[in-house]
Structure formats: C-alpha cells, structure tokens
C-alpha cells in the first residue's frame, strides 16, 4: 500500500489548488502539515492560475492499493 499526502489551498480567485507528495513520513500530524502549508503560503513558492495561495483548506493522507488485472 502506498500513501500520498494531499495539501489543498485556496487561491486569491477563490479556487482550490492541491499539492500531492508521495510517501509522507509515518506519524505525520495535522500540526506539522499546517506548519508546512503556512510556510508554502508565506514563501509564495507556487504559482496558480487563480493567483497566489492565500490559505490552507484541508489535508489528507490517501492510502492506495494497486491490483493487477489478468488480461484475457
């Protein structure tokens, strides 16, 4: 099973922008993610079609499982 951390931000135009990161560290807390999201906003390091990122909206850790299918 693989994991992805998805951090979603709101931009100046009111749209949502998501950043995905593979293999987040085990035991990652909401406080750690919020601190990272605040740093991304403060440093203004990503561009978005709707303008600068202005606030943190949500964060998810997504678990994924790959299942191979037999082609007949």
PDB file of N, CA and C in Angstrom:
ATOM      1  N   UNK A   1       0.849  -1.173   0.000  1.00  0.00           N
ATOM      2  CA  UNK A   1       0.000   0.000   0.000  1.00  0.00           C
ATOM      3  C   UNK A   1       0.895   1.237   0.000  1.00  0.00           C
ATOM      4  N   UNK A   2       0.566   2.179  -0.845  1.00  0.00           N
ATOM      5  CA  UNK A   2       1.302   3.440  -0.932  1.00  0.00           C
ATOM      6  C   UNK A   2       0.463   4.548  -0.303  1.00  0.00           C
ATOM      7  N   UNK A   3       1.136   5.606   0.101  1.00  0.00           N
ATOM      8  CA  UNK A   3       0.425   6.751   0.655  1.00  0.00           C
ATOM      9  C   UNK A   3       0.826   8.022  -0.074  1.00  0.00           C
ATOM     10  N   UNK A   4      -0.128   8.967  -0.114  1.00  0.00           N
ATOM     11  CA  UNK A   4       0.096  10.286  -0.680  1.00  0.00           C
ATOM     12  C   UNK A   4      -0.468  11.314   0.302  1.00  0.00           C
ATOM     13  N   UNK A   5       0.298  12.362   0.556  1.00  0.00           N
ATOM     14  CA  UNK A   5      -0.205  13.488   1.341  1.00  0.00           C
ATOM     15  C   UNK A   5      -0.730  14.517   0.353  1.00  0.00           C
ATOM     16  N   UNK A   6      -2.006  14.872   0.463  1.00  0.00           N
ATOM     17  CA  UNK A   6      -2.602  15.906  -0.387  1.00  0.00           C
ATOM     18  C   UNK A   6      -2.901  17.128   0.463  1.00  0.00           C
ATOM     19  N   UNK A   7      -2.243  18.237   0.133  1.00  0.00           N
ATOM     20  CA  UNK A   7      -2.483  19.510   0.812  1.00  0.00           C
ATOM     21  C   UNK A   7      -3.267  20.396  -0.154  1.00  0.00           C
ATOM     22  N   UNK A   8      -4.415  20.896   0.297  1.00  0.00           N
ATOM     23  CA  UNK A   8      -5.266  21.728  -0.551  1.00  0.00           C
ATOM     24  C   UNK A   8      -5.302  23.147   0.004  1.00  0.00           C
ATOM     25  N   UNK A   9      -5.090  24.101  -0.895  1.00  0.00           N
ATOM     26  CA  UNK A   9      -5.035  25.522  -0.558  1.00  0.00           C
ATOM     27  C   UNK A   9      -6.147  26.254  -1.297  1.00  0.00           C
ATOM     28  N   UNK A  10      -6.465  27.463  -0.817  1.00  0.00           N
ATOM     29  CA  UNK A  10      -7.368  28.372  -1.519  1.00  0.00           C
ATOM     30  C   UNK A  10      -6.502  29.477  -2.113  1.00  0.00           C
ATOM     31  N   UNK A  11      -6.765  29.829  -3.390  1.00  0.00           N
ATOM     32  CA  UNK A  11      -6.003  30.916  -4.016  1.00  0.00           C
ATOM     33  C   UNK A  11      -6.807  32.212  -3.995  1.00  0.00           C
ATOM     34  N   UNK A  12      -6.200  33.272  -4.488  1.00  0.00           N
ATOM     35  CA  UNK A  12      -6.831  34.605  -4.458  1.00  0.00           C
ATOM     36  C   UNK A  12      -8.163  34.641  -5.208  1.00  0.00           C
ATOM     37  N   UNK A  13      -8.297  33.818  -6.233  1.00  0.00           N
ATOM     38  CA  UNK A  13      -9.532  33.783  -7.009  1.00  0.00           C
ATOM     39  C   UNK A  13     -10.620  32.934  -6.376  1.00  0.00           C
ATOM     40  N   UNK A  14     -10.337  32.339  -5.215  1.00  0.00           N
ATOM     41  CA  UNK A  14     -11.318  31.506  -4.527  1.00  0.00           C
ATOM     42  C   UNK A  14     -11.292  30.052  -4.959  1.00  0.00           C
ATOM     43  N   UNK A  15     -10.389  29.725  -5.884  1.00  0.00           N
ATOM     44  CA  UNK A  15     -10.262  28.341  -6.336  1.00  0.00           C
ATOM     45  C   UNK A  15      -9.415  27.517  -5.387  1.00  0.00           C
ATOM     46  N   UNK A  16      -9.463  26.224  -5.567  1.00  0.00           N
ATOM     47  CA  UNK A  16      -8.665  25.320  -4.737  1.00  0.00           C
ATOM     48  C   UNK A  16      -7.530  24.735  -5.560  1.00  0.00           C
ATOM     49  N   UNK A  17      -6.383  24.634  -4.925  1.00  0.00           N
ATOM     50  CA  UNK A  17      -5.175  24.109  -5.547  1.00  0.00           C
ATOM     51  C   UNK A  17      -4.632  23.023  -4.633  1.00  0.00           C
ATOM     52  N   UNK A  18      -4.375  21.837  -5.189  1.00  0.00           N
ATOM     53  CA  UNK A  18      -3.859  20.730  -4.387  1.00  0.00           C
ATOM     54  C   UNK A  18      -2.433  20.388  -4.784  1.00  0.00           C
ATOM     55  N   UNK A  19      -1.633  20.095  -3.782  1.00  0.00           N
ATOM     56  CA  UNK A  19      -0.274  19.608  -3.972  1.00  0.00           C
ATOM     57  C   UNK A  19      -0.210  18.213  -3.380  1.00  0.00           C
ATOM     58  N   UNK A  20       0.335  17.254  -4.124  1.00  0.00           N
ATOM     59  CA  UNK A  20       0.439  15.872  -3.667  1.00  0.00           C
ATOM     60  C   UNK A  20       1.893  15.498  -3.451  1.00  0.00           C
ATOM     61  N   UNK A  21       2.153  14.793  -2.361  1.00  0.00           N
ATOM     62  CA  UNK A  21       3.502  14.350  -2.027  1.00  0.00           C
ATOM     63  C   UNK A  21       3.465  12.865  -1.702  1.00  0.00           C
ATOM     64  N   UNK A  22       4.288  12.100  -2.413  1.00  0.00           N
ATOM     65  CA  UNK A  22       4.344  10.651  -2.194  1.00  0.00           C
ATOM     66  C   UNK A  22       5.076  10.338  -0.892  1.00  0.00           C
ATOM     67  N   UNK A  23       4.672   9.240  -0.286  1.00  0.00           N
ATOM     68  CA  UNK A  23       5.348   8.660   0.870  1.00  0.00           C
ATOM     69  C   UNK A  23       5.586   9.628   2.033  1.00  0.00           C
ATOM     70  N   UNK A  24       4.519  10.200   2.594  1.00  0.00           N
ATOM     71  CA  UNK A  24       4.708  11.059   3.766  1.00  0.00           C
ATOM     72  C   UNK A  24       5.242  10.230   4.934  1.00  0.00           C
ATOM     73  N   UNK A  25       5.955  10.891   5.826  1.00  0.00           N
ATOM     74  CA  UNK A  25       6.540  10.149   6.944  1.00  0.00           C
ATOM     75  C   UNK A  25       5.452   9.567   7.842  1.00  0.00           C
ATOM     76  N   UNK A  26       5.763   8.451   8.442  1.00  0.00           N
ATOM     77  CA  UNK A  26       4.840   7.786   9.355  1.00  0.00           C
ATOM     78  C   UNK A  26       4.639   8.663  10.593  1.00  0.00           C
ATOM     79  N   UNK A  27       3.404   8.774  11.037  1.00  0.00           N
ATOM     80  CA  UNK A  27       3.105   9.538  12.242  1.00  0.00           C
ATOM     81  C   UNK A  27       2.970  11.038  12.021  1.00  0.00           C
ATOM     82  N   UNK A  28       2.903  11.462  10.769  1.00  0.00           N
ATOM     83  CA  UNK A  28       2.758  12.880  10.453  1.00  0.00           C
ATOM     84  C   UNK A  28       1.501  13.435  11.128  1.00  0.00           C
ATOM     85  N   UNK A  29       1.616  14.590  11.754  1.00  0.00           N
ATOM     86  CA  UNK A  29       0.475  15.179  12.466  1.00  0.00           C
ATOM     87  C   UNK A  29      -0.125  16.344  11.687  1.00  0.00           C
ATOM     88  N   UNK A  30      -1.348  16.661  12.025  1.00  0.00           N
ATOM     89  CA  UNK A  30      -2.007  17.806  11.421  1.00  0.00           C
ATOM     90  C   UNK A  30      -1.256  19.101  11.694  1.00  0.00           C
ATOM     91  N   UNK A  31      -0.697  19.222  12.878  1.00  0.00           N
ATOM     92  CA  UNK A  31       0.058  20.429  13.225  1.00  0.00           C
ATOM     93  C   UNK A  31       1.295  20.576  12.342  1.00  0.00           C
ATOM     94  N   UNK A  32       1.974  19.476  12.064  1.00  0.00           N
ATOM     95  CA  UNK A  32       3.161  19.516  11.193  1.00  0.00           C
ATOM     96  C   UNK A  32       2.776  19.913   9.770  1.00  0.00           C
ATOM     97  N   UNK A  33       1.679  19.352   9.288  1.00  0.00           N
ATOM     98  CA  UNK A  33       1.226  19.670   7.938  1.00  0.00           C
ATOM     99  C   UNK A  33       0.802  21.136   7.865  1.00  0.00           C
ATOM    100  N   UNK A  34       0.087  21.635   8.865  1.00  0.00           N
ATOM    101  CA  UNK A  34      -0.353  23.036   8.886  1.00  0.00           C
ATOM    102  C   UNK A  34       0.846  23.970   8.877  1.00  0.00           C
ATOM    103  N   UNK A  35       1.887  23.626   9.621  1.00  0.00           N
ATOM    104  CA  UNK A  35       3.107  24.436   9.639  1.00  0.00           C
ATOM    105  C   UNK A  35       3.732  24.478   8.246  1.00  0.00           C
ATOM    106  N   UNK A  36       3.779  23.326   7.575  1.00  0.00           N
ATOM    107  CA  UNK A  36       4.338  23.265   6.221  1.00  0.00           C
ATOM    108  C   UNK A  36       3.483  24.079   5.250  1.00  0.00           C
ATOM    109  N   UNK A  37       2.164  23.964   5.374  1.00  0.00           N
ATOM    110  CA  UNK A  37       1.268  24.709   4.489  1.00  0.00           C
ATOM    111  C   UNK A  37       1.414  26.217   4.702  1.00  0.00           C
ATOM    112  N   UNK A  38       1.544  26.636   5.951  1.00  0.00           N
ATOM    113  CA  UNK A  38       1.745  28.058   6.246  1.00  0.00           C
ATOM    114  C   UNK A  38       3.056  28.558   5.635  1.00  0.00           C
ATOM    115  N   UNK A  39       4.092  27.709   5.648  1.00  0.00           N
ATOM    116  CA  UNK A  39       5.378  28.090   5.052  1.00  0.00           C
ATOM    117  C   UNK A  39       5.249  28.234   3.541  1.00  0.00           C
ATOM    118  N   UNK A  40       4.517  27.326   2.897  1.00  0.00           N
ATOM    119  CA  UNK A  40       4.294  27.414   1.441  1.00  0.00           C
ATOM    120  C   UNK A  40       3.596  28.733   1.107  1.00  0.00           C
ATOM    121  N   UNK A  41       2.592  29.091   1.893  1.00  0.00           N
ATOM    122  CA  UNK A  41       1.854  30.340   1.663  1.00  0.00           C
ATOM    123  C   UNK A  41       2.760  31.546   1.889  1.00  0.00           C
ATOM    124  N   UNK A  42       3.486  31.552   2.990  1.00  0.00           N
ATOM    125  CA  UNK A  42       4.338  32.688   3.346  1.00  0.00           C
ATOM    126  C   UNK A  42       5.454  32.918   2.326  1.00  0.00           C
ATOM    127  N   UNK A  43       6.024  31.837   1.803  1.00  0.00           N
ATOM    128  CA  UNK A  43       7.141  31.963   0.857  1.00  0.00           C
ATOM    129  C   UNK A  43       6.678  32.157  -0.578  1.00  0.00           C
ATOM    130  N   UNK A  44       5.380  31.963  -0.829  1.00  0.00           N
ATOM    131  CA  UNK A  44       4.784  32.194  -2.142  1.00  0.00           C
ATOM    132  C   UNK A  44       5.599  31.503  -3.244  1.00  0.00           C
ATOM    133  N   UNK A  45       5.833  30.198  -3.060  1.00  0.00           N
ATOM    134  CA  UNK A  45       6.731  29.479  -3.972  1.00  0.00           C
ATOM    135  C   UNK A  45       6.017  28.763  -5.113  1.00  0.00           C
ATOM    136  N   UNK A  46       4.697  28.706  -5.118  1.00  0.00           N
ATOM    137  CA  UNK A  46       3.959  28.056  -6.191  1.00  0.00           C
ATOM    138  C   UNK A  46       3.037  29.060  -6.869  1.00  0.00           C
ATOM    139  N   UNK A  47       2.944  28.958  -8.191  1.00  0.00           N
ATOM    140  CA  UNK A  47       2.023  29.797  -8.949  1.00  0.00           C
ATOM    141  C   UNK A  47       0.723  29.044  -9.192  1.00  0.00           C
ATOM    142  N   UNK A  48      -0.348  29.794  -9.278  1.00  0.00           N
ATOM    143  CA  UNK A  48      -1.633  29.186  -9.606  1.00  0.00           C
ATOM    144  C   UNK A  48      -2.351  30.113 -10.570  1.00  0.00           C
ATOM    145  N   UNK A  49      -3.153  29.548 -11.460  1.00  0.00           N
ATOM    146  CA  UNK A  49      -3.883  30.357 -12.444  1.00  0.00           C
ATOM    147  C   UNK A  49      -4.812  31.362 -11.768  1.00  0.00           C
ATOM    148  N   UNK A  50      -5.262  31.052 -10.553  1.00  0.00           N
ATOM    149  CA  UNK A  50      -6.180  31.933  -9.829  1.00  0.00           C
ATOM    150  C   UNK A  50      -5.485  32.887  -8.884  1.00  0.00           C
ATOM    151  N   UNK A  51      -4.165  33.011  -8.987  1.00  0.00           N
ATOM    152  CA  UNK A  51      -3.434  33.933  -8.118  1.00  0.00           C
ATOM    153  C   UNK A  51      -2.699  33.213  -7.010  1.00  0.00           C
ATOM    154  N   UNK A  52      -2.137  33.985  -6.106  1.00  0.00           N
ATOM    155  CA  UNK A  52      -1.347  33.445  -5.003  1.00  0.00           C
ATOM    156  C   UNK A  52      -2.194  32.552  -4.094  1.00  0.00           C
ATOM    157  N   UNK A  53      -1.531  31.600  -3.464  1.00  0.00           N
ATOM    158  CA  UNK A  53      -2.190  30.781  -2.445  1.00  0.00           C
ATOM    159  C   UNK A  53      -2.332  31.640  -1.197  1.00  0.00           C
ATOM    160  N   UNK A  54      -3.539  31.679  -0.635  1.00  0.00           N
ATOM    161  CA  UNK A  54      -3.775  32.596   0.488  1.00  0.00           C
ATOM    162  C   UNK A  54      -4.166  31.911   1.788  1.00  0.00           C
ATOM    163  N   UNK A  55      -4.636  30.653   1.717  1.00  0.00           N
ATOM    164  CA  UNK A  55      -4.993  29.972   2.965  1.00  0.00           C
ATOM    165  C   UNK A  55      -4.977  28.457   2.775  1.00  0.00           C
ATOM    166  N   UNK A  56      -4.785  27.775   3.899  1.00  0.00           N
ATOM    167  CA  UNK A  56      -4.846  26.314   3.916  1.00  0.00           C
ATOM    168  C   UNK A  56      -6.308  25.905   3.977  1.00  0.00           C
ATOM    169  N   UNK A  57      -6.698  24.940   3.147  1.00  0.00           N
ATOM    170  CA  UNK A  57      -8.082  24.478   3.135  1.00  0.00           C
ATOM    171  C   UNK A  57      -8.217  23.129   3.839  1.00  0.00           C
ATOM    172  N   UNK A  58      -7.394  22.149   3.423  1.00  0.00           N
ATOM    173  CA  UNK A  58      -7.504  20.814   4.009  1.00  0.00           C
ATOM    174  C   UNK A  58      -6.245  20.014   3.719  1.00  0.00           C
ATOM    175  N   UNK A  59      -6.123  18.891   4.401  1.00  0.00           N
ATOM    176  CA  UNK A  59      -5.021  17.971   4.162  1.00  0.00           C
ATOM    177  C   UNK A  59      -5.526  16.549   4.371  1.00  0.00           C
ATOM    178  N   UNK A  60      -5.074  15.651   3.512  1.00  0.00           N
ATOM    179  CA  UNK A  60      -5.472  14.245   3.584  1.00  0.00           C
ATOM    180  C   UNK A  60      -4.254  13.362   3.393  1.00  0.00           C
ATOM    181  N   UNK A  61      -4.242  12.230   4.075  1.00  0.00           N
ATOM    182  CA  UNK A  61      -3.312  11.168   3.733  1.00  0.00           C
ATOM    183  C   UNK A  61      -4.154  10.112   3.042  1.00  0.00           C
ATOM    184  N   UNK A  62      -3.804   9.829   1.799  1.00  0.00           N
ATOM    185  CA  UNK A  62      -4.568   8.909   0.969  1.00  0.00           C
ATOM    186  C   UNK A  62      -3.798   7.603   0.851  1.00  0.00           C
ATOM    187  N   UNK A  63      -4.454   6.500   1.212  1.00  0.00           N
ATOM    188  CA  UNK A  63      -3.872   5.169   1.075  1.00  0.00           C
ATOM    189  C   UNK A  63      -4.324   4.581  -0.258  1.00  0.00           C
ATOM    190  N   UNK A  64      -3.385   4.050  -1.019  1.00  0.00           N
ATOM    191  CA  UNK A  64      -3.744   3.447  -2.297  1.00  0.00           C
ATOM    192  C   UNK A  64      -3.208   2.025  -2.372  1.00  0.00           C
ATOM    193  N   UNK A  65      -3.958   1.193  -3.044  1.00  0.00           N
ATOM    194  CA  UNK A  65      -3.566  -0.191  -3.279  1.00  0.00           C
ATOM    195  C   UNK A  65      -3.684  -0.453  -4.772  1.00  0.00           C
ATOM    196  N   UNK A  66      -2.644  -1.044  -5.347  1.00  0.00           N
ATOM    197  CA  UNK A  66      -2.680  -1.421  -6.751  1.00  0.00           C
ATOM    198  C   UNK A  66      -3.065  -2.890  -6.851  1.00  0.00           C
ATOM    199  N   UNK A  67      -3.970  -3.175  -7.754  1.00  0.00           N
ATOM    200  CA  UNK A  67      -4.391  -4.547  -8.003  1.00  0.00           C
ATOM    201  C   UNK A  67      -4.210  -4.850  -9.485  1.00  0.00           C
ATOM    202  N   UNK A  68      -3.344  -5.789  -9.792  1.00  0.00           N
ATOM    203  CA  UNK A  68      -3.114  -6.164 -11.188  1.00  0.00           C
ATOM    204  C   UNK A  68      -4.297  -6.988 -11.696  1.00  0.00           C
ATOM    205  N   UNK A  69      -4.663  -6.747 -12.929  1.00  0.00           N
ATOM    206  CA  UNK A  69      -5.741  -7.487 -13.568  1.00  0.00           C
ATOM    207  C   UNK A  69      -5.148  -8.402 -14.636  1.00  0.00           C
ATOM    208  N   UNK A  70      -5.689  -9.584 -14.731  1.00  0.00           N
ATOM    209  CA  UNK A  70      -5.261 -10.518 -15.772  1.00  0.00           C
ATOM    210  C   UNK A  70      -6.041 -10.207 -17.038  1.00  0.00           C
ATOM    211  N   UNK A  71      -5.321  -9.951 -18.109  1.00  0.00           N
ATOM    212  CA  UNK A  71      -5.965  -9.663 -19.389  1.00  0.00           C
ATOM    213  C   UNK A  71      -6.143 -10.983 -20.139  1.00  0.00           C
ATOM    214  N   UNK A  72      -7.353 -11.225 -20.562  1.00  0.00           N
ATOM    215  CA  UNK A  72      -7.666 -12.490 -21.215  1.00  0.00           C
ATOM    216  C   UNK A  72      -7.703 -12.330 -22.709  1.00  0.00           C
TER     217      UNK A  72
END
